[in-house]
Amino acid sequence: DGTANVDMTLTYTGCPAREMLLNEVKQSVSAVDGVETAEITLVWSPGWTVEMVTEQGKKSLREFGLSV
């Protein structure tokens, strides 16, 4: 029906990048062919772990200056 439902989590509930991340995910998902509406839901279970980060994600985080 053109709606993409995404469940995502953050590293912790008080993440200072919360709104930025939600907006970026919504924009990225909305740009996919066939997606008319992107619904993003924050979930807290299971809890976030570094094992959830892809190798590309880890590389990007290191390039950004974060230790993974």
PDB file of N, CA and C in Angstrom:
ATOM      1  N   ASP A   1       0.810  -1.208   0.000  1.00  0.00           N
ATOM      2  CA  ASP A   1       0.000   0.000   0.000  1.00  0.00           C
ATOM      3  C   ASP A   1       0.850   1.269   0.000  1.00  0.00           C
ATOM      4  N   GLY A   2       2.164   1.139  -0.146  1.00  0.00           N
ATOM      5  CA  GLY A   2       3.030   2.304  -0.184  1.00  0.00           C
ATOM      6  C   GLY A   2       3.495   2.794   1.166  1.00  0.00           C
ATOM      7  N   THR A   3       3.128   2.079   2.233  1.00  0.00           N
ATOM      8  CA  THR A   3       3.554   2.480   3.578  1.00  0.00           C
ATOM      9  C   THR A   3       4.671   1.560   4.056  1.00  0.00           C
ATOM     10  N   ALA A   4       5.748   2.140   4.528  1.00  0.00           N
ATOM     11  CA  ALA A   4       6.852   1.380   5.120  1.00  0.00           C
ATOM     12  C   ALA A   4       6.830   1.619   6.625  1.00  0.00           C
ATOM     13  N   ASN A   5       6.758   0.533   7.384  1.00  0.00           N
ATOM     14  CA  ASN A   5       6.793   0.611   8.842  1.00  0.00           C
ATOM     15  C   ASN A   5       8.161   0.169   9.316  1.00  0.00           C
ATOM     16  N   VAL A   6       8.841   1.040  10.042  1.00  0.00           N
ATOM     17  CA  VAL A   6      10.194   0.764  10.515  1.00  0.00           C
ATOM     18  C   VAL A   6      10.217   0.846  12.028  1.00  0.00           C
ATOM     19  N   ASP A   7      10.714  -0.231  12.653  1.00  0.00           N
ATOM     20  CA  ASP A   7      10.988  -0.213  14.089  1.00  0.00           C
ATOM     21  C   ASP A   7      12.477   0.026  14.238  1.00  0.00           C
ATOM     22  N   MET A   8      12.840   0.985  15.060  1.00  0.00           N
ATOM     23  CA  MET A   8      14.263   1.253  15.284  1.00  0.00           C
ATOM     24  C   MET A   8      14.488   1.553  16.752  1.00  0.00           C
ATOM     25  N   THR A   9      15.729   1.408  17.158  1.00  0.00           N
ATOM     26  CA  THR A   9      16.085   1.720  18.532  1.00  0.00           C
ATOM     27  C   THR A   9      17.265   2.671  18.533  1.00  0.00           C
ATOM     28  N   LEU A  10      17.495   3.261  19.662  1.00  0.00           N
ATOM     29  CA  LEU A  10      18.633   4.157  19.854  1.00  0.00           C
ATOM     30  C   LEU A  10      19.535   3.559  20.912  1.00  0.00           C
ATOM     31  N   THR A  11      20.716   4.104  21.053  1.00  0.00           N
ATOM     32  CA  THR A  11      21.633   3.550  22.045  1.00  0.00           C
ATOM     33  C   THR A  11      21.116   3.712  23.464  1.00  0.00           C
ATOM     34  N   TYR A  12      20.367   4.783  23.715  1.00  0.00           N
ATOM     35  CA  TYR A  12      19.696   4.947  25.001  1.00  0.00           C
ATOM     36  C   TYR A  12      18.567   5.955  24.863  1.00  0.00           C
ATOM     37  N   THR A  13      17.642   5.929  25.809  1.00  0.00           N
ATOM     38  CA  THR A  13      16.413   6.719  25.684  1.00  0.00           C
ATOM     39  C   THR A  13      16.660   8.224  25.617  1.00  0.00           C
ATOM     40  N   GLY A  14      17.743   8.699  26.207  1.00  0.00           N
ATOM     41  CA  GLY A  14      18.027  10.131  26.201  1.00  0.00           C
ATOM     42  C   GLY A  14      18.970  10.558  25.092  1.00  0.00           C
ATOM     43  N   CYS A  15      19.035   9.804  24.034  1.00  0.00           N
ATOM     44  CA  CYS A  15      19.963  10.081  22.931  1.00  0.00           C
ATOM     45  C   CYS A  15      19.783  11.513  22.425  1.00  0.00           C
ATOM     46  N   PRO A  16      20.858  12.313  22.431  1.00  0.00           N
ATOM     47  CA  PRO A  16      20.741  13.694  21.981  1.00  0.00           C
ATOM     48  C   PRO A  16      20.516  13.818  20.470  1.00  0.00           C
ATOM     49  N   ALA A  17      20.771  12.754  19.731  1.00  0.00           N
ATOM     50  CA  ALA A  17      20.594  12.790  18.281  1.00  0.00           C
ATOM     51  C   ALA A  17      19.248  12.200  17.860  1.00  0.00           C
ATOM     52  N   ARG A  18      18.367  11.972  18.806  1.00  0.00           N
ATOM     53  CA  ARG A  18      17.080  11.314  18.557  1.00  0.00           C
ATOM     54  C   ARG A  18      16.312  11.908  17.367  1.00  0.00           C
ATOM     55  N   GLU A  19      16.021  13.187  17.400  1.00  0.00           N
ATOM     56  CA  GLU A  19      15.223  13.803  16.332  1.00  0.00           C
ATOM     57  C   GLU A  19      15.946  13.778  14.993  1.00  0.00           C
ATOM     58  N   MET A  20      17.250  14.021  15.007  1.00  0.00           N
ATOM     59  CA  MET A  20      18.026  13.981  13.779  1.00  0.00           C
ATOM     60  C   MET A  20      17.966  12.585  13.163  1.00  0.00           C
ATOM     61  N   LEU A  21      18.155  11.558  13.977  1.00  0.00           N
ATOM     62  CA  LEU A  21      18.128  10.187  13.473  1.00  0.00           C
ATOM     63  C   LEU A  21      16.747   9.804  12.952  1.00  0.00           C
ATOM     64  N   LEU A  22      15.713  10.151  13.696  1.00  0.00           N
ATOM     65  CA  LEU A  22      14.351   9.854  13.243  1.00  0.00           C
ATOM     66  C   LEU A  22      14.075  10.517  11.900  1.00  0.00           C
ATOM     67  N   ASN A  23      14.469  11.777  11.758  1.00  0.00           N
ATOM     68  CA  ASN A  23      14.251  12.503  10.505  1.00  0.00           C
ATOM     69  C   ASN A  23      15.037  11.894   9.354  1.00  0.00           C
ATOM     70  N   GLU A  24      16.298  11.527   9.606  1.00  0.00           N
ATOM     71  CA  GLU A  24      17.128  10.956   8.544  1.00  0.00           C
ATOM     72  C   GLU A  24      16.605   9.606   8.098  1.00  0.00           C
ATOM     73  N   VAL A  25      16.177   8.783   9.049  1.00  0.00           N
ATOM     74  CA  VAL A  25      15.631   7.474   8.687  1.00  0.00           C
ATOM     75  C   VAL A  25      14.340   7.659   7.892  1.00  0.00           C
ATOM     76  N   LYS A  26      13.487   8.545   8.348  1.00  0.00           N
ATOM     77  CA  LYS A  26      12.218   8.776   7.644  1.00  0.00           C
ATOM     78  C   LYS A  26      12.470   9.264   6.218  1.00  0.00           C
ATOM     79  N   GLN A  27      13.400  10.194   6.046  1.00  0.00           N
ATOM     80  CA  GLN A  27      13.717  10.701   4.711  1.00  0.00           C
ATOM     81  C   GLN A  27      14.305   9.608   3.825  1.00  0.00           C
ATOM     82  N   SER A  28      15.211   8.803   4.385  1.00  0.00           N
ATOM     83  CA  SER A  28      15.848   7.738   3.603  1.00  0.00           C
ATOM     84  C   SER A  28      14.838   6.682   3.172  1.00  0.00           C
ATOM     85  N   VAL A  29      13.969   6.280   4.099  1.00  0.00           N
ATOM     86  CA  VAL A  29      12.957   5.272   3.771  1.00  0.00           C
ATOM     87  C   VAL A  29      11.958   5.840   2.765  1.00  0.00           C
ATOM     88  N   SER A  30      11.577   7.084   2.931  1.00  0.00           N
ATOM     89  CA  SER A  30      10.620   7.714   2.015  1.00  0.00           C
ATOM     90  C   SER A  30      11.167   7.818   0.594  1.00  0.00           C
ATOM     91  N   ALA A  31      12.489   7.816   0.454  1.00  0.00           N
ATOM     92  CA  ALA A  31      13.117   7.943  -0.866  1.00  0.00           C
ATOM     93  C   ALA A  31      13.147   6.624  -1.640  1.00  0.00           C
ATOM     94  N   VAL A  32      12.775   5.533  -0.999  1.00  0.00           N
ATOM     95  CA  VAL A  32      12.772   4.226  -1.665  1.00  0.00           C
ATOM     96  C   VAL A  32      11.600   4.168  -2.643  1.00  0.00           C
ATOM     97  N   ASP A  33      11.873   3.658  -3.835  1.00  0.00           N
ATOM     98  CA  ASP A  33      10.817   3.528  -4.846  1.00  0.00           C
ATOM     99  C   ASP A  33       9.636   2.750  -4.281  1.00  0.00           C
ATOM    100  N   GLY A  34       8.444   3.260  -4.482  1.00  0.00           N
ATOM    101  CA  GLY A  34       7.232   2.600  -4.043  1.00  0.00           C
ATOM    102  C   GLY A  34       6.761   2.991  -2.655  1.00  0.00           C
ATOM    103  N   VAL A  35       7.612   3.692  -1.905  1.00  0.00           N
ATOM    104  CA  VAL A  35       7.224   4.114  -0.558  1.00  0.00           C
ATOM    105  C   VAL A  35       6.608   5.502  -0.642  1.00  0.00           C
ATOM    106  N   GLU A  36       5.382   5.595  -0.194  1.00  0.00           N
ATOM    107  CA  GLU A  36       4.691   6.881  -0.163  1.00  0.00           C
ATOM    108  C   GLU A  36       4.699   7.479   1.238  1.00  0.00           C
ATOM    109  N   THR A  37       4.645   6.615   2.244  1.00  0.00           N
ATOM    110  CA  THR A  37       4.622   7.045   3.638  1.00  0.00           C
ATOM    111  C   THR A  37       5.567   6.174   4.447  1.00  0.00           C
ATOM    112  N   ALA A  38       6.369   6.807   5.290  1.00  0.00           N
ATOM    113  CA  ALA A  38       7.266   6.071   6.182  1.00  0.00           C
ATOM    114  C   ALA A  38       6.829   6.323   7.623  1.00  0.00           C
ATOM    115  N   GLU A  39       6.533   5.240   8.312  1.00  0.00           N
ATOM    116  CA  GLU A  39       6.153   5.318   9.725  1.00  0.00           C
ATOM    117  C   GLU A  39       7.298   4.748  10.546  1.00  0.00           C
ATOM    118  N   ILE A  40       7.895   5.582  11.389  1.00  0.00           N
ATOM    119  CA  ILE A  40       9.033   5.167  12.205  1.00  0.00           C
ATOM    120  C   ILE A  40       8.578   5.049  13.650  1.00  0.00           C
ATOM    121  N   THR A  41       8.850   3.890  14.255  1.00  0.00           N
ATOM    122  CA  THR A  41       8.485   3.654  15.650  1.00  0.00           C
ATOM    123  C   THR A  41       9.738   3.324  16.441  1.00  0.00           C
ATOM    124  N   LEU A  42       9.957   4.045  17.541  1.00  0.00           N
ATOM    125  CA  LEU A  42      11.070   3.724  18.421  1.00  0.00           C
ATOM    126  C   LEU A  42      10.684   2.556  19.314  1.00  0.00           C
ATOM    127  N   VAL A  43      11.559   1.579  19.401  1.00  0.00           N
ATOM    128  CA  VAL A  43      11.361   0.424  20.275  1.00  0.00           C
ATOM    129  C   VAL A  43      12.565   0.311  21.201  1.00  0.00           C
ATOM    130  N   TRP A  44      12.367  -0.273  22.351  1.00  0.00           N
ATOM    131  CA  TRP A  44      13.446  -0.362  23.344  1.00  0.00           C
ATOM    132  C   TRP A  44      13.772  -1.801  23.718  1.00  0.00           C
ATOM    133  N   SER A  45      13.130  -2.733  23.047  1.00  0.00           N
ATOM    134  CA  SER A  45      13.410  -4.137  23.309  1.00  0.00           C
ATOM    135  C   SER A  45      13.492  -4.844  21.963  1.00  0.00           C
ATOM    136  N   PRO A  46      14.557  -5.516  21.665  1.00  0.00           N
ATOM    137  CA  PRO A  46      15.686  -5.754  22.562  1.00  0.00           C
ATOM    138  C   PRO A  46      16.536  -4.490  22.713  1.00  0.00           C
ATOM    139  N   GLY A  47      17.252  -4.439  23.805  1.00  0.00           N
ATOM    140  CA  GLY A  47      18.141  -3.302  24.041  1.00  0.00           C
ATOM    141  C   GLY A  47      19.260  -3.256  23.012  1.00  0.00           C
ATOM    142  N   TRP A  48      19.700  -2.052  22.697  1.00  0.00           N
ATOM    143  CA  TRP A  48      20.735  -1.869  21.691  1.00  0.00           C
ATOM    144  C   TRP A  48      22.065  -2.436  22.163  1.00  0.00           C
ATOM    145  N   THR A  49      22.785  -3.075  21.235  1.00  0.00           N
ATOM    146  CA  THR A  49      24.157  -3.518  21.481  1.00  0.00           C
ATOM    147  C   THR A  49      24.984  -3.202  20.246  1.00  0.00           C
ATOM    148  N   VAL A  50      26.279  -3.126  20.413  1.00  0.00           N
ATOM    149  CA  VAL A  50      27.171  -2.810  19.294  1.00  0.00           C
ATOM    150  C   VAL A  50      27.118  -3.904  18.233  1.00  0.00           C
ATOM    151  N   GLU A  51      26.713  -5.113  18.602  1.00  0.00           N
ATOM    152  CA  GLU A  51      26.604  -6.198  17.626  1.00  0.00           C
ATOM    153  C   GLU A  51      25.528  -5.910  16.576  1.00  0.00           C
ATOM    154  N   MET A  52      24.632  -4.962  16.839  1.00  0.00           N
ATOM    155  CA  MET A  52      23.578  -4.618  15.890  1.00  0.00           C
ATOM    156  C   MET A  52      24.096  -3.746  14.743  1.00  0.00           C
ATOM    157  N   VAL A  53      25.301  -3.231  14.874  1.00  0.00           N
ATOM    158  CA  VAL A  53      25.858  -2.327  13.863  1.00  0.00           C
ATOM    159  C   VAL A  53      26.519  -3.155  12.767  1.00  0.00           C
ATOM    160  N   THR A  54      26.191  -2.844  11.523  1.00  0.00           N
ATOM    161  CA  THR A  54      26.814  -3.536  10.396  1.00  0.00           C
ATOM    162  C   THR A  54      28.284  -3.131  10.301  1.00  0.00           C
ATOM    163  N   GLU A  55      29.042  -3.890   9.537  1.00  0.00           N
ATOM    164  CA  GLU A  55      30.459  -3.555   9.355  1.00  0.00           C
ATOM    165  C   GLU A  55      30.593  -2.178   8.708  1.00  0.00           C
ATOM    166  N   GLN A  56      29.727  -1.862   7.742  1.00  0.00           N
ATOM    167  CA  GLN A  56      29.755  -0.533   7.119  1.00  0.00           C
ATOM    168  C   GLN A  56      29.430   0.527   8.155  1.00  0.00           C
ATOM    169  N   GLY A  57      28.472   0.244   9.023  1.00  0.00           N
ATOM    170  CA  GLY A  57      28.113   1.189  10.078  1.00  0.00           C
ATOM    171  C   GLY A  57      29.272   1.433  11.024  1.00  0.00           C
ATOM    172  N   LYS A  58      29.979   0.366  11.386  1.00  0.00           N
ATOM    173  CA  LYS A  58      31.145   0.497  12.278  1.00  0.00           C
ATOM    174  C   LYS A  58      32.229   1.336  11.605  1.00  0.00           C
ATOM    175  N   LYS A  59      32.432   1.096  10.310  1.00  0.00           N
ATOM    176  CA  LYS A  59      33.429   1.881   9.563  1.00  0.00           C
ATOM    177  C   LYS A  59      33.043   3.361   9.578  1.00  0.00           C
ATOM    178  N   SER A  60      31.773   3.635   9.321  1.00  0.00           N
ATOM    179  CA  SER A  60      31.298   5.025   9.302  1.00  0.00           C
ATOM    180  C   SER A  60      31.465   5.673  10.670  1.00  0.00           C
ATOM    181  N   LEU A  61      31.143   4.945  11.731  1.00  0.00           N
ATOM    182  CA  LEU A  61      31.290   5.488  13.082  1.00  0.00           C
ATOM    183  C   LEU A  61      32.756   5.789  13.391  1.00  0.00           C
ATOM    184  N   ARG A  62      33.654   4.896  12.979  1.00  0.00           N
ATOM    185  CA  ARG A  62      35.097   5.133  13.195  1.00  0.00           C
ATOM    186  C   ARG A  62      35.551   6.378  12.426  1.00  0.00           C
ATOM    187  N   GLU A  63      35.078   6.527  11.188  1.00  0.00           N
ATOM    188  CA  GLU A  63      35.438   7.697  10.384  1.00  0.00           C
ATOM    189  C   GLU A  63      34.913   8.985  11.024  1.00  0.00           C
ATOM    190  N   PHE A  64      33.807   8.862  11.737  1.00  0.00           N
ATOM    191  CA  PHE A  64      33.210  10.005  12.438  1.00  0.00           C
ATOM    192  C   PHE A  64      33.968  10.317  13.729  1.00  0.00           C
ATOM    193  N   GLY A  65      34.866   9.384  14.136  1.00  0.00           N
ATOM    194  CA  GLY A  65      35.682   9.602  15.334  1.00  0.00           C
ATOM    195  C   GLY A  65      35.203   8.871  16.562  1.00  0.00           C
ATOM    196  N   LEU A  66      34.258   7.941  16.382  1.00  0.00           N
ATOM    197  CA  LEU A  66      33.748   7.175  17.529  1.00  0.00           C
ATOM    198  C   LEU A  66      34.425   5.818  17.608  1.00  0.00           C
ATOM    199  N   SER A  67      34.647   5.353  18.803  1.00  0.00           N
ATOM    200  CA  SER A  67      35.235   4.047  19.023  1.00  0.00           C
ATOM    201  C   SER A  67      34.128   3.001  19.067  1.00  0.00           C
ATOM    202  N   VAL A  68      34.269   1.979  18.236  1.00  0.00           N
ATOM    203  CA  VAL A  68      33.245   0.924  18.195  1.00  0.00           C
ATOM    204  C   VAL A  68      33.897  -0.396  18.569  1.00  0.00           C
TER     205      VAL A  68
END
